[in-house]
Protein backbone atom coordinates (compact mmCIF):
# COMPACT_ATOMS: atom_id res chain seq x y z
CA MET A 1 122.72 73.47 96.43
CA LYS A 2 120.30 71.03 98.05
CA THR A 3 118.46 68.58 95.76
CA ILE A 4 115.53 66.20 96.11
CA LYS A 5 114.59 63.07 94.18
CA PHE A 6 111.36 63.07 92.19
CA ARG A 7 109.61 60.13 90.46
CA ILE A 8 112.37 59.63 87.92
CA ASP A 9 115.93 59.16 89.05
CA GLU A 10 117.09 62.73 88.47
CA ASP A 11 118.31 65.34 90.89
CA ILE A 12 116.10 68.44 91.06
CA PRO A 13 117.64 71.54 92.60
CA VAL A 14 115.86 73.10 95.56
CA VAL A 15 115.91 76.87 95.10
CA ALA A 16 113.79 77.86 98.13
CA GLU A 17 112.38 76.33 101.28
CA ALA A 18 109.26 77.59 103.04
CA ASP A 19 106.60 76.52 105.50
CA VAL A 20 103.84 77.76 103.16
CA LEU A 21 103.69 77.95 99.37
CA VAL A 22 100.92 80.20 98.05
CA VAL A 23 100.24 79.74 94.33
CA GLY A 24 98.60 82.80 92.81
CA GLY A 25 98.92 86.44 93.71
CA GLY A 26 95.27 87.40 93.48
CA PRO A 27 93.36 88.92 96.39
CA GLY A 28 92.96 85.57 98.14
CA GLY A 29 96.54 84.45 97.60
CA LEU A 30 97.95 87.77 98.69
CA GLY A 31 95.84 87.72 101.86
CA ALA A 32 96.85 84.13 102.60
CA ALA A 33 100.54 84.94 102.17
CA VAL A 34 100.37 88.03 104.37
CA MET A 35 98.49 86.26 107.17
CA ALA A 36 100.80 83.22 107.09
CA ALA A 37 103.80 85.54 107.34
CA ARG A 38 102.18 87.44 110.23
CA MET A 39 101.73 84.13 112.03
CA GLY A 40 105.47 83.50 111.77
CA ALA A 41 105.63 81.08 108.83
CA THR A 42 108.17 81.46 106.07
CA VAL A 43 106.18 82.06 102.89
CA VAL A 44 106.83 81.79 99.17
CA LEU A 45 104.25 83.48 96.92
CA ALA A 46 104.35 82.17 93.33
CA GLU A 47 102.72 84.24 90.60
CA ARG A 48 103.00 83.47 86.89
CA PHE A 49 102.69 87.10 85.81
CA GLY A 50 105.02 89.88 86.90
CA GLN A 51 102.46 91.61 89.12
CA LEU A 52 100.05 90.89 91.93
CA GLY A 53 96.31 91.38 91.65
CA GLY A 54 94.96 88.42 89.69
CA MET A 55 91.44 89.03 88.38
CA ALA A 56 91.26 92.36 90.21
């Protein structure tokens, strides 16, 4: 597994690599993730709850 160094001298595992990280699966985040993927970028969508939708 690939690791990176962060502020303190500890190895942090890298679990995914992407061109775009979208934080939040609300209407705006979902739209941003879909459009970035349609443009050919690899996308990771991070949502703290187990479902998309956000405030909607």
